[in-house]
Amino acid sequence: MIYLDNAATTYPKPESVYVAMDKCMREYGANPGRSGHKLALEAGRAIYKTRELICKLFNIDNPMQIIFTCNATDSLNLALKGILKEGDHVITTSMEHNSMIRPIVTLEKLGVEHTVIPCDKKGNIDPKLIEKEIKYNTKLIATTHASNVSGTLMPIEEIGKIAKKNKILYLVDAAQTAGVYNIDIKKMNIDLLATPGHKGLLGPQGTGFLYIREGIALQQMKEGGTGSKSELLTQPEIVPDRYESGTPNTPGIVGLGAGIEFILKEGIEKIQRHEEALTEHMLLELQKIDRINIYGPVDAKKQAAVISINIGDEDSSEVSYLLDKVFNIAVRSGLHCAPMAHKTMGTFEQGTVRFSLGYFNTKEDVKKAVEALKKICDELENK
């Protein structure tokens, strides 16, 4: 199998991730923060180590500002619903994933206004349009870092400056960029960073985190046991406990830590260069095939390693099916949980076939994918 669905989840993972999770389960699989015995303490230390590794990767000072979640969707829901209240206004873009836009639309019922800034057909946004829509009650700007459909990279540093200048909070969805692109929360003026663990951070599914800048208090989404302040019948205010009720996913968090250790050892610049090189090569080869329509910037410097295409008017699901069943190539087709992005690009009715490259893909993988597309095009031509 040639796996080109890394935008959904990266596969495979570094060997160290499997080893770390297995060791956790076998050697210290106790409940962290709930008991005082050696195994529980070791589990607690392992979780704290992952917090520290996240801080190192994203230039975060305080490990306790890292809130572990199940995925980026959890993180975005906590950020959006935890900060926005009746009478508030939030600005977002037309290239967002449903994990961002659905909570925002749901908050309308609570009296939260929103403005969606239109992007161009390639997914690009003009930050000046964001600034133009700021109102007296604008509390939050919320954008993706890179589209999961077109790969288009958003100018988050420039948007962060606009947010800071206007004393507005900035939430970034880094689902497609964390672990591949350098994200510095201080330099980019990011107040809230939502990230899955199972994509570019190379951890297992069921992991993610939300960074909350010190001084920001969110309304928690759940209450329960935290292992702290157990004498209280109310949720403790201390962070991260306030937002982490219930037994944590210790093996998953340990695996996430191992993934981040791999990234730090390899070097994020090396990972980015590799994915950019594969993206550039694939884009160049795809442009040689007449029947193929490529969406997004079509520029490896302006998009993440995500390439969406269609073959003429052919159904995207049918092309994806052929790639899987005939050529043993895994991709994703359809709307990719981002209908607004497809409406922006003009692909809402057809969807797209999405190729998403990862650090463990090779130039040979790209070559075989392009050859498969050529054969499909030839077959369609000879119908």
Protein backbone atom coordinates (compact mmCIF):
# COMPACT_ATOMS: atom_id res chain seq x y z
CA MET A 1 0.00 0.00 0.00
CA ILE A 2 1.20 3.51 -0.89
CA TYR A 3 -0.25 5.66 1.84
CA LEU A 4 -1.04 9.22 0.72
CA ASP A 5 -3.67 10.17 3.29
CA ASN A 6 -1.45 11.86 5.87
CA ALA A 7 -3.74 14.88 6.18
CA ALA A 8 -6.26 12.54 7.83
CA THR A 9 -3.67 10.80 10.01
CA THR A 10 0.02 10.12 9.50
CA TYR A 11 1.00 6.52 8.87
CA PRO A 12 3.25 4.83 9.71
CA LYS A 13 4.61 6.33 12.93
CA PRO A 14 8.25 6.34 14.01
CA GLU A 15 9.23 3.04 15.61
CA SER A 16 9.98 4.88 18.86
CA VAL A 17 6.28 5.74 19.22
CA TYR A 18 5.26 2.07 19.25
CA VAL A 19 8.06 1.21 21.66
CA ALA A 20 7.20 4.02 24.09
CA MET A 21 3.50 3.15 24.18
CA ASP A 22 4.20 -0.55 24.69
CA LYS A 23 6.62 0.23 27.52
CA CYS A 24 4.07 2.49 29.16
CA MET A 25 1.37 -0.18 29.09
CA ARG A 26 3.66 -2.95 30.30
CA GLU A 27 5.84 -1.19 32.88
CA TYR A 28 3.92 1.70 34.45
CA GLY A 29 0.34 1.62 33.20
CA ALA A 30 -1.12 3.11 36.38
CA ASN A 31 -3.35 6.16 36.88
CA PRO A 32 -1.29 9.39 36.96
CA GLY A 33 -2.09 11.99 39.60
CA ARG A 34 -4.51 9.68 41.42
CA SER A 35 -2.19 7.69 43.66
CA GLY A 36 1.12 8.13 45.44
CA HIS A 37 2.76 4.82 44.54
CA LYS A 38 5.74 4.47 42.23
CA LEU A 39 3.84 3.44 39.11
CA ALA A 40 1.38 6.33 39.32
CA LEU A 41 4.21 8.78 39.90
CA GLU A 42 6.13 7.45 36.90
CA ALA A 43 3.02 7.79 34.72
CA GLY A 44 2.64 11.38 35.93
CA ARG A 45 6.24 12.17 35.09
CA ALA A 46 5.83 10.71 31.61
CA ILE A 47 2.84 12.98 30.94
CA TYR A 48 4.71 16.02 32.23
CA LYS A 49 7.63 15.17 29.95
CA THR A 50 5.31 15.37 26.94
CA ARG A 51 4.11 18.79 28.13
CA GLU A 52 7.74 19.92 28.22
CA LEU A 53 8.42 18.57 24.72
CA ILE A 54 5.41 20.47 23.36
CA CYS A 55 6.73 23.64 24.97
CA LYS A 56 10.11 23.13 23.34
CA LEU A 57 8.60 22.63 19.89
CA PHE A 58 6.27 25.66 20.02
CA ASN A 59 8.31 28.07 22.21
CA ILE A 60 5.89 27.90 25.13
CA ASP A 61 7.19 28.83 28.59
CA ASN A 62 4.80 27.10 30.98
CA PRO A 63 4.08 23.36 30.53
CA MET A 64 0.97 23.72 32.68
CA GLN A 65 -0.68 25.79 29.94
CA ILE A 66 -0.85 22.66 27.76
CA ILE A 67 -4.27 21.00 27.97
CA PHE A 68 -4.41 17.43 26.68
CA THR A 69 -7.46 16.58 24.58
CA CYS A 70 -8.65 13.72 22.36
CA ASN A 71 -7.99 15.56 19.07
CA ALA A 72 -8.00 19.00 17.44
CA THR A 73 -11.82 18.99 17.39
CA ASP A 74 -11.87 18.74 21.19
CA SER A 75 -9.29 21.51 21.39
CA LEU A 76 -11.20 23.86 19.08
CA ASN A 77 -14.50 23.26 20.90
CA LEU A 78 -12.87 24.02 24.25
CA ALA A 79 -11.26 27.18 22.89
CA LEU A 80 -14.32 28.53 21.08
CA LYS A 81 -17.01 27.60 23.58
CA GLY A 82 -14.77 28.38 26.51
CA ILE A 83 -13.98 31.96 25.46
CA LEU A 84 -17.02 33.21 23.52
CA LYS A 85 -20.10 34.47 25.34
CA GLU A 86 -23.37 36.18 24.45
CA GLY A 87 -22.70 39.50 22.73
CA ASP A 88 -19.24 38.51 21.49
CA HIS A 89 -18.12 38.54 17.85
CA VAL A 90 -15.67 36.13 16.20
CA ILE A 91 -13.98 36.40 12.80
CA THR A 92 -13.04 33.32 10.77
CA THR A 93 -12.39 32.36 7.13
CA SER A 94 -14.11 30.49 4.33
CA MET A 95 -11.38 27.79 4.27
CA GLU A 96 -12.09 26.36 7.70
CA HIS A 97 -12.67 22.73 8.63
CA ASN A 98 -16.02 21.83 10.19
CA SER A 99 -14.19 21.43 13.51
CA MET A 100 -13.89 25.21 13.50
CA ILE A 101 -17.02 26.41 11.71
CA ARG A 102 -19.59 24.08 13.31
CA PRO A 103 -18.88 25.22 16.89
CA ILE A 104 -18.91 28.84 15.69
CA VAL A 105 -22.30 28.41 13.99
CA THR A 106 -23.65 26.54 17.02
CA LEU A 107 -22.67 29.49 19.22
CA GLU A 108 -25.13 31.67 17.28
CA LYS A 109 -27.83 30.14 19.48
CA LEU A 110 -26.10 31.69 22.50
CA GLY A 111 -25.94 35.12 20.91
CA VAL A 112 -22.40 34.98 19.52
CA GLU A 113 -22.00 36.79 16.19
CA HIS A 114 -19.56 35.64 13.51
CA THR A 115 -18.10 36.94 10.28
CA VAL A 116 -16.67 34.63 7.62
CA ILE A 117 -13.95 36.33 5.53
CA PRO A 118 -14.05 35.05 1.93
CA CYS A 119 -10.82 33.64 0.54
CA ASP A 120 -9.99 33.53 -3.18
CA LYS A 121 -10.39 30.39 -5.31
CA LYS A 122 -6.90 29.21 -4.35
CA GLY A 123 -7.71 29.53 -0.68
CA ASN A 124 -5.65 32.67 -0.05
CA ILE A 125 -6.81 35.34 2.36
CA ASP A 126 -6.07 39.06 2.49
CA PRO A 127 -5.41 39.91 6.18
CA LYS A 128 -6.65 43.46 5.54
CA LEU A 129 -10.13 42.02 5.08
CA ILE A 130 -9.93 40.57 8.58
CA GLU A 131 -8.94 43.90 10.08
CA LYS A 132 -11.72 45.63 8.19
CA GLU A 133 -14.34 43.41 9.88
CA ILE A 134 -13.20 44.06 13.45
CA LYS A 135 -16.01 45.54 15.57
CA TYR A 136 -16.32 46.91 19.10
CA ASN A 137 -17.35 43.44 20.35
CA THR A 138 -14.86 41.33 18.37
CA LYS A 139 -13.29 39.04 20.94
CA LEU A 140 -11.59 36.41 18.81
CA ILE A 141 -10.02 35.79 15.41
CA ALA A 142 -9.98 32.07 14.59
CA THR A 143 -8.22 30.65 11.52
CA THR A 144 -6.60 27.53 10.23
CA HIS A 145 -2.87 27.59 9.52
CA ALA A 146 -3.25 25.50 6.37
CA SER A 147 -6.31 24.28 4.52
CA ASN A 148 -6.90 20.54 4.74
CA VAL A 149 -8.36 20.68 1.20
CA SER A 150 -6.00 22.88 -0.83
CA GLY A 151 -3.04 23.02 1.53
CA THR A 152 -3.07 26.81 1.28
CA LEU A 153 -0.89 28.34 4.00
CA MET A 154 -2.46 31.26 5.85
CA PRO A 155 -0.37 34.31 6.90
CA ILE A 156 -0.83 33.58 10.61
CA GLU A 157 2.02 35.82 11.75
CA GLU A 158 0.47 38.80 9.98
CA ILE A 159 -2.99 37.94 11.33
CA GLY A 160 -1.46 37.58 14.81
CA LYS A 161 -0.09 41.12 14.58
CA ILE A 162 -3.54 42.42 13.64
CA ALA A 163 -5.08 40.61 16.61
CA LYS A 164 -2.48 41.92 19.04
CA LYS A 165 -2.73 45.52 17.74
CA ASN A 166 -6.49 45.44 18.26
CA LYS A 167 -6.30 43.59 21.61
CA ILE A 168 -8.21 40.61 20.24
CA LEU A 169 -7.44 36.96 21.02
CA TYR A 170 -6.10 34.77 18.22
CA LEU A 171 -6.89 31.05 17.88
CA VAL A 172 -4.94 28.97 15.35
CA ASP A 173 -5.95 25.52 14.11
CA ALA A 174 -2.60 23.85 13.35
CA ALA A 175 -4.00 20.46 12.36
CA GLN A 176 -2.14 20.40 9.02
CA THR A 177 1.07 22.17 10.06
CA ALA A 178 2.14 21.26 13.60
CA GLY A 179 5.27 19.14 13.41
CA VAL A 180 6.09 20.22 9.85
CA TYR A 181 6.23 24.02 9.99
CA ASN A 182 7.90 26.15 12.63
CA ILE A 183 5.18 27.59 14.88
CA ASP A 184 6.41 30.08 17.48
CA ILE A 185 3.48 31.19 19.64
CA LYS A 186 5.34 34.30 20.85
CA LYS A 187 6.60 35.51 17.48
CA MET A 188 3.23 34.82 15.86
CA ASN A 189 1.14 36.28 18.72
CA ILE A 190 -0.91 33.11 19.11
CA ASP A 191 -3.08 33.08 22.22
CA LEU A 192 -4.72 29.69 21.67
CA LEU A 193 -3.21 26.84 19.62
CA ALA A 194 -5.28 23.75 18.78
CA THR A 195 -3.45 20.70 17.54
CA PRO A 196 -4.10 16.97 16.99
CA GLY A 197 -1.45 14.51 18.06
CA HIS A 198 -2.01 11.98 15.28
CA LYS A 199 -1.03 14.03 12.22
CA GLY A 200 2.24 15.92 11.79
CA LEU A 201 3.21 15.38 15.43
CA LEU A 202 3.41 11.65 14.60
CA GLY A 203 1.59 10.48 17.71
CA PRO A 204 -1.32 8.03 18.00
CA GLN A 205 -4.98 8.75 17.33
CA GLY A 206 -7.00 9.91 20.33
CA THR A 207 -4.46 12.58 21.30
CA GLY A 208 -4.25 16.33 20.92
CA PHE A 209 -3.75 19.48 22.94
CA LEU A 210 -4.84 23.08 23.37
CA TYR A 211 -2.31 25.71 24.39
CA ILE A 212 -3.88 28.52 26.42
CA ARG A 213 -1.82 31.66 26.97
CA GLU A 214 -1.33 32.53 30.61
CA GLY A 215 -3.91 35.04 31.79
CA ILE A 216 -6.72 33.59 29.67
CA ALA A 217 -9.45 31.76 31.57
CA LEU A 218 -11.76 29.50 29.55
CA GLN A 219 -15.00 28.03 30.78
CA GLN A 220 -14.30 24.30 31.14
CA MET A 221 -16.38 21.89 29.06
CA LYS A 222 -16.67 19.20 31.73
CA GLU A 223 -16.29 18.65 35.45
CA GLY A 224 -15.09 15.63 37.36
CA GLY A 225 -12.17 13.96 39.02
CA THR A 226 -8.79 15.66 38.57
CA GLY A 227 -6.77 14.10 41.37
CA SER A 228 -6.48 17.58 42.91
CA LYS A 229 -8.62 19.58 45.38
CA SER A 230 -10.73 16.47 45.93
CA GLU A 231 -12.32 18.01 49.01
CA LEU A 232 -14.18 20.49 46.77
CA LEU A 233 -17.53 19.79 45.08
CA THR A 234 -16.66 22.37 42.43
CA GLN A 235 -14.09 22.19 39.67
CA PRO A 236 -10.61 23.33 40.73
CA GLU A 237 -9.37 26.55 39.14
CA ILE A 238 -5.77 25.41 38.76
CA VAL A 239 -4.44 24.72 35.26
CA PRO A 240 -4.29 22.23 33.58
CA ASP A 241 -6.51 20.34 36.07
CA ARG A 242 -9.50 22.62 35.40
CA TYR A 243 -9.70 21.34 31.82
CA GLU A 244 -8.51 17.74 32.21
CA SER A 245 -11.18 15.91 34.20
CA GLY A 246 -11.06 12.13 34.09
CA THR A 247 -8.28 9.61 33.61
CA PRO A 248 -5.92 10.79 30.87
CA ASN A 249 -4.85 8.76 27.87
CA THR A 250 -1.41 8.04 29.33
CA PRO A 251 -0.19 5.60 26.62
CA GLY A 252 -1.38 7.98 23.91
CA ILE A 253 0.26 11.02 25.51
CA VAL A 254 3.49 9.07 25.94
CA GLY A 255 3.30 8.10 22.26
CA LEU A 256 2.73 11.73 21.35
CA GLY A 257 5.82 12.65 23.34
CA ALA A 258 7.84 10.06 21.45
CA GLY A 259 6.58 11.50 18.14
CA ILE A 260 7.66 15.00 19.16
CA GLU A 261 11.05 13.70 20.31
CA PHE A 262 11.48 12.22 16.83
CA ILE A 263 10.63 15.59 15.25
CA LEU A 264 13.07 17.46 17.49
CA LYS A 265 15.81 14.94 16.72
CA GLU A 266 15.25 15.01 12.95
CA GLY A 267 14.79 18.77 12.89
CA ILE A 268 11.56 20.45 11.80
CA GLU A 269 13.35 22.24 8.95
CA LYS A 270 14.45 18.89 7.51
CA ILE A 271 10.90 17.54 7.72
CA GLN A 272 9.49 20.63 6.02
CA ARG A 273 12.09 20.51 3.24
CA HIS A 274 11.30 16.85 2.55
CA GLU A 275 7.56 17.41 2.31
CA GLU A 276 8.03 20.55 0.21
CA ALA A 277 10.29 18.67 -2.21
CA LEU A 278 7.75 15.87 -2.65
CA THR A 279 4.94 18.40 -3.10
CA GLU A 280 6.88 20.38 -5.68
CA HIS A 281 7.74 17.21 -7.63
CA MET A 282 4.15 15.96 -7.63
CA LEU A 283 2.74 19.33 -8.68
CA LEU A 284 5.18 19.53 -11.59
CA GLU A 285 4.29 16.03 -12.79
CA LEU A 286 0.54 16.55 -12.43
CA GLN A 287 0.67 19.70 -14.54
CA LYS A 288 1.87 17.57 -17.45
CA ILE A 289 -1.41 15.60 -17.53
CA ASP A 290 -4.04 17.43 -19.60
CA ARG A 291 -7.20 16.05 -18.00
CA ILE A 292 -6.17 16.84 -14.45
CA ASN A 293 -7.40 19.95 -12.66
CA ILE A 294 -5.25 21.02 -9.70
CA TYR A 295 -6.68 23.24 -6.97
CA GLY A 296 -5.03 25.60 -4.52
CA PRO A 297 -1.84 27.66 -4.94
CA VAL A 298 -0.01 24.95 -7.00
CA ASP A 299 3.17 26.17 -5.31
CA ALA A 300 5.04 24.08 -2.74
CA LYS A 301 6.15 27.23 -0.92
CA LYS A 302 2.59 28.46 -0.50
CA GLN A 303 0.87 25.23 0.50
CA ALA A 304 1.33 22.35 2.86
CA ALA A 305 1.88 18.84 1.45
CA VAL A 306 -1.78 18.59 0.47
CA ILE A 307 -2.76 18.38 -3.21
CA SER A 308 -6.38 18.29 -4.36
CA ILE A 309 -7.20 17.31 -7.93
CA ASN A 310 -9.97 16.13 -10.22
CA ILE A 311 -9.91 14.30 -13.54
CA GLY A 312 -12.20 16.35 -15.73
CA ASP A 313 -15.78 15.93 -14.53
CA GLU A 314 -15.22 12.43 -13.16
CA ASP A 315 -16.65 11.62 -9.76
CA SER A 316 -13.92 12.12 -7.15
CA SER A 317 -15.08 9.10 -5.16
CA GLU A 318 -14.80 6.87 -8.22
CA VAL A 319 -11.22 8.00 -8.89
CA SER A 320 -10.34 7.41 -5.24
CA TYR A 321 -11.89 3.94 -5.44
CA LEU A 322 -9.80 3.06 -8.50
CA LEU A 323 -6.61 4.27 -6.86
CA ASP A 324 -7.30 2.06 -3.86
CA LYS A 325 -8.62 -1.10 -5.51
CA VAL A 326 -6.56 -1.17 -8.69
CA PHE A 327 -3.34 0.60 -7.73
CA ASN A 328 -3.24 0.06 -3.95
CA ILE A 329 -2.89 3.78 -3.27
CA ALA A 330 -4.69 5.32 -0.29
CA VAL A 331 -6.10 8.83 -0.76
CA ARG A 332 -9.25 10.65 0.35
CA SER A 333 -12.06 12.00 -1.79
CA GLY A 334 -15.18 14.09 -1.25
CA LEU A 335 -15.61 17.26 0.79
CA HIS A 336 -13.04 16.46 3.51
CA CYS A 337 -15.30 17.87 6.27
CA ALA A 338 -14.74 21.35 4.83
CA PRO A 339 -17.77 22.31 2.70
CA MET A 340 -17.08 26.06 2.87
CA ALA A 341 -13.59 25.50 1.48
CA HIS A 342 -15.01 23.55 -1.46
CA LYS A 343 -17.59 26.26 -2.13
CA THR A 344 -14.75 28.78 -2.10
CA MET A 345 -12.78 26.70 -4.61
CA GLY A 346 -15.80 25.83 -6.77
CA THR A 347 -15.60 22.09 -6.08
CA PHE A 348 -18.59 21.65 -3.76
CA GLU A 349 -20.58 19.48 -6.19
CA GLN A 350 -17.70 17.28 -7.34
CA GLY A 351 -15.48 17.22 -4.30
CA THR A 352 -11.81 16.49 -4.92
CA VAL A 353 -9.30 13.66 -4.78
CA ARG A 354 -6.82 14.62 -2.07
CA PHE A 355 -3.22 13.42 -1.98
CA SER A 356 -1.51 14.28 1.29
CA LEU A 357 2.19 13.53 1.58
CA GLY A 358 4.11 12.80 4.77
CA TYR A 359 7.65 12.54 6.05
CA PHE A 360 7.81 8.80 5.37
CA ASN A 361 6.71 9.09 1.75
CA THR A 362 9.26 8.92 -1.04
CA LYS A 363 9.73 10.21 -4.57
CA GLU A 364 8.93 6.68 -5.74
CA ASP A 365 5.52 6.91 -4.04
CA VAL A 366 4.83 10.12 -5.96
CA LYS A 367 5.99 8.54 -9.21
CA LYS A 368 3.62 5.59 -8.80
CA ALA A 369 0.71 7.86 -7.89
CA VAL A 370 1.27 9.99 -11.00
CA GLU A 371 1.58 6.88 -13.19
CA ALA A 372 -1.69 5.56 -11.77
CA LEU A 373 -3.45 8.83 -12.57
CA LYS A 374 -2.07 8.73 -16.12
CA LYS A 375 -3.45 5.20 -16.59
CA ILE A 376 -6.85 6.23 -15.26
CA CYS A 377 -6.88 9.21 -17.63
CA ASP A 378 -5.94 6.96 -20.56
CA GLU A 379 -8.71 4.51 -19.72
CA LEU A 380 -11.25 7.31 -19.56
CA GLU A 381 -9.97 8.70 -22.87
CA ASN A 382 -10.48 5.34 -24.57
CA LYS A 383 -13.99 4.75 -23.26
